[in-house]
């Protein structure tokens, strides 16, 4: 993507080559460079050149993937569609619509399911009271 001279951050290199930071750190450590696995770690020009040589295929794949659009419209296509829409206005014919007629709802027929019989609770007889009369 870019052949800039100077330093580049590890996060930007990972995005550029479409590979993980771990892959870059592992590769550079095998080549004898000590690199901390942090987004803001700066890579030298020499490290960047090594990455370009090793991962140029991944860079090509990323560039090809950027050309493919799935589920979104590129800016140029969006602008072309807007220009075309402005050049040819769309005229819609309005057709008279019939008002929807609500069908009459039938009256619900209620049928008795069971007869409910309510019986009053039974009254219990009052307890008998025995009076004790004390003879005096």
Protein backbone atom coordinates (compact mmCIF):
# COMPACT_ATOMS: atom_id res chain seq x y z
CA UNK A 1 0.00 0.00 0.00
CA UNK A 2 2.68 2.47 0.92
CA UNK A 3 6.43 2.48 0.60
CA UNK A 4 7.05 5.32 3.00
CA UNK A 5 10.45 6.04 4.43
CA UNK A 6 10.60 6.25 8.19
CA UNK A 7 8.74 4.48 10.93
CA UNK A 8 5.33 2.86 10.88
CA UNK A 9 3.30 1.65 13.85
CA UNK A 10 2.71 -2.05 14.42
CA UNK A 11 -1.06 -1.57 14.28
CA UNK A 12 -0.86 0.22 10.94
CA UNK A 13 1.43 -2.48 9.53
CA UNK A 14 -0.97 -5.20 10.67
CA UNK A 15 -3.84 -3.41 8.95
CA UNK A 16 -1.78 -2.76 5.83
CA UNK A 17 -0.75 -6.40 5.38
CA UNK A 18 -4.05 -7.82 6.66
CA UNK A 19 -2.31 -10.01 9.24
CA UNK A 20 -2.34 -10.06 13.02
CA UNK A 21 0.10 -8.21 15.25
CA UNK A 22 1.14 -11.55 16.74
CA UNK A 23 2.17 -12.79 13.29
CA UNK A 24 4.27 -9.67 12.68
CA UNK A 25 5.94 -9.84 16.10
CA UNK A 26 6.67 -13.55 15.68
CA UNK A 27 8.11 -13.03 12.18
CA UNK A 28 10.31 -10.11 13.22
CA UNK A 29 11.58 -11.96 16.31
CA UNK A 30 12.62 -14.88 14.05
CA UNK A 31 14.52 -12.36 11.92
CA UNK A 32 16.38 -11.09 15.01
CA UNK A 33 14.40 -7.95 15.82
CA UNK A 34 12.96 -7.44 19.30
CA UNK A 35 9.46 -5.95 18.99
CA UNK A 36 6.87 -5.34 21.70
CA UNK A 37 3.33 -6.51 20.83
CA UNK A 38 1.58 -3.15 21.16
CA UNK A 39 -0.44 -1.15 18.63
CA UNK A 40 1.79 1.89 19.04
CA UNK A 41 5.14 0.09 18.72
CA UNK A 42 7.15 1.76 15.97
CA UNK A 43 8.73 -0.42 13.27
CA UNK A 44 11.85 0.77 11.49
CA UNK A 45 12.16 1.04 7.73
CA UNK A 46 14.25 -2.15 7.72
CA UNK A 47 11.47 -4.05 9.54
CA UNK A 48 8.90 -2.65 7.13
CA UNK A 49 10.92 -3.81 4.13
CA UNK A 50 11.19 -7.30 5.66
CA UNK A 51 7.43 -7.35 6.10
CA UNK A 52 6.91 -6.19 2.51
CA UNK A 53 9.12 -9.00 1.21
CA UNK A 54 7.50 -11.69 3.35
CA UNK A 55 3.84 -10.69 3.22
CA UNK A 56 3.50 -9.15 -0.26
CA UNK A 57 1.02 -11.91 -1.18
CA UNK A 58 -1.20 -10.97 1.78
CA UNK A 59 -0.96 -7.34 0.69
CA UNK A 60 -2.19 -8.28 -2.80
CA UNK A 61 -5.09 -10.24 -1.31
CA UNK A 62 -6.09 -7.24 0.78
CA UNK A 63 -5.96 -4.93 -2.24
CA UNK A 64 -8.15 -7.34 -4.21
CA UNK A 65 -10.58 -7.59 -1.32
CA UNK A 66 -10.93 -3.81 -1.22
CA UNK A 67 -12.14 -3.90 -4.83
CA UNK A 68 -15.03 -6.22 -3.94
CA UNK A 69 -18.14 -4.66 -2.49
CA UNK A 70 -20.74 -6.75 -0.75
CA UNK A 71 -23.71 -5.08 0.87
CA UNK A 72 -22.48 -1.53 0.33
CA UNK A 73 -22.12 0.89 -2.55
CA UNK A 74 -18.82 2.60 -3.29
CA UNK A 75 -18.73 6.37 -3.28
CA UNK A 76 -18.34 6.67 -7.06
CA UNK A 77 -21.32 4.41 -7.71
CA UNK A 78 -23.38 6.34 -5.19
CA UNK A 79 -22.49 9.66 -6.86
CA UNK A 80 -23.29 8.24 -10.32
CA UNK A 81 -26.67 7.03 -9.11
CA UNK A 82 -27.41 10.45 -7.59
CA UNK A 83 -26.46 12.22 -10.85
CA UNK A 84 -28.63 9.85 -12.88
CA UNK A 85 -31.56 10.39 -10.53
CA UNK A 86 -31.19 14.16 -10.84
CA UNK A 87 -31.04 13.99 -14.65
CA UNK A 88 -34.19 11.91 -15.10
CA UNK A 89 -36.93 12.70 -12.60
CA UNK A 90 -39.22 9.82 -11.80
CA UNK A 91 -42.93 10.45 -12.26
CA UNK A 92 -45.27 8.22 -10.34
CA UNK A 93 -48.84 7.78 -11.42
CA UNK A 94 -51.27 7.69 -8.60
CA UNK A 95 -54.01 5.17 -9.07
CA UNK A 96 -57.22 5.63 -7.16
CA UNK A 97 -57.39 3.24 -4.31
CA UNK A 98 -60.54 1.68 -3.03
CA UNK A 99 -61.18 2.22 0.60
CA UNK A 100 -60.89 -1.03 2.47
CA UNK A 101 -64.26 -2.29 3.56
CA UNK A 102 -64.33 -3.88 6.94
CA UNK A 103 -66.24 -7.14 6.97
CA UNK A 104 -69.03 -7.16 9.55
CA UNK A 105 -68.07 -9.17 12.57
CA UNK A 106 -70.57 -11.86 13.50
CA UNK A 107 -72.08 -11.63 16.92
CA UNK A 108 -70.53 -14.22 19.19
CA UNK A 109 -72.98 -16.90 20.22
CA UNK A 110 -72.73 -17.67 23.89
CA UNK A 111 -73.81 -21.10 24.91
CA UNK A 112 -74.04 -22.24 28.51
CA UNK A 113 -71.34 -24.73 29.31
CA UNK A 114 -72.62 -25.84 32.69
CA UNK A 115 -75.18 -24.77 35.21
CA UNK A 116 -73.81 -23.40 38.41
CA UNK A 117 -75.78 -24.27 41.50
CA UNK A 118 -75.00 -22.35 44.62
CA UNK A 119 -76.04 -23.97 47.87
CA UNK A 120 -76.02 -21.96 51.06
CA UNK A 121 -73.67 -23.22 53.74
CA UNK A 122 -75.24 -25.48 56.33
CA UNK A 123 -75.86 -23.90 59.64
CA UNK A 124 -74.51 -25.87 62.50
CA UNK A 125 -76.78 -26.20 65.48
CA UNK A 126 -75.78 -24.08 68.42
CA UNK A 127 -74.05 -26.02 71.15
CA UNK A 128 -76.27 -26.91 74.08
CA UNK A 129 -75.50 -25.00 77.18
CA UNK A 130 -76.02 -26.73 80.49
CA UNK A 131 -76.69 -24.47 83.33
CA UNK A 132 -75.43 -25.56 86.63
CA UNK A 133 -77.45 -24.36 89.50
CA UNK A 134 -75.69 -24.24 92.82
CA UNK A 135 -77.86 -25.09 95.71
CA UNK A 136 -77.44 -22.66 98.43
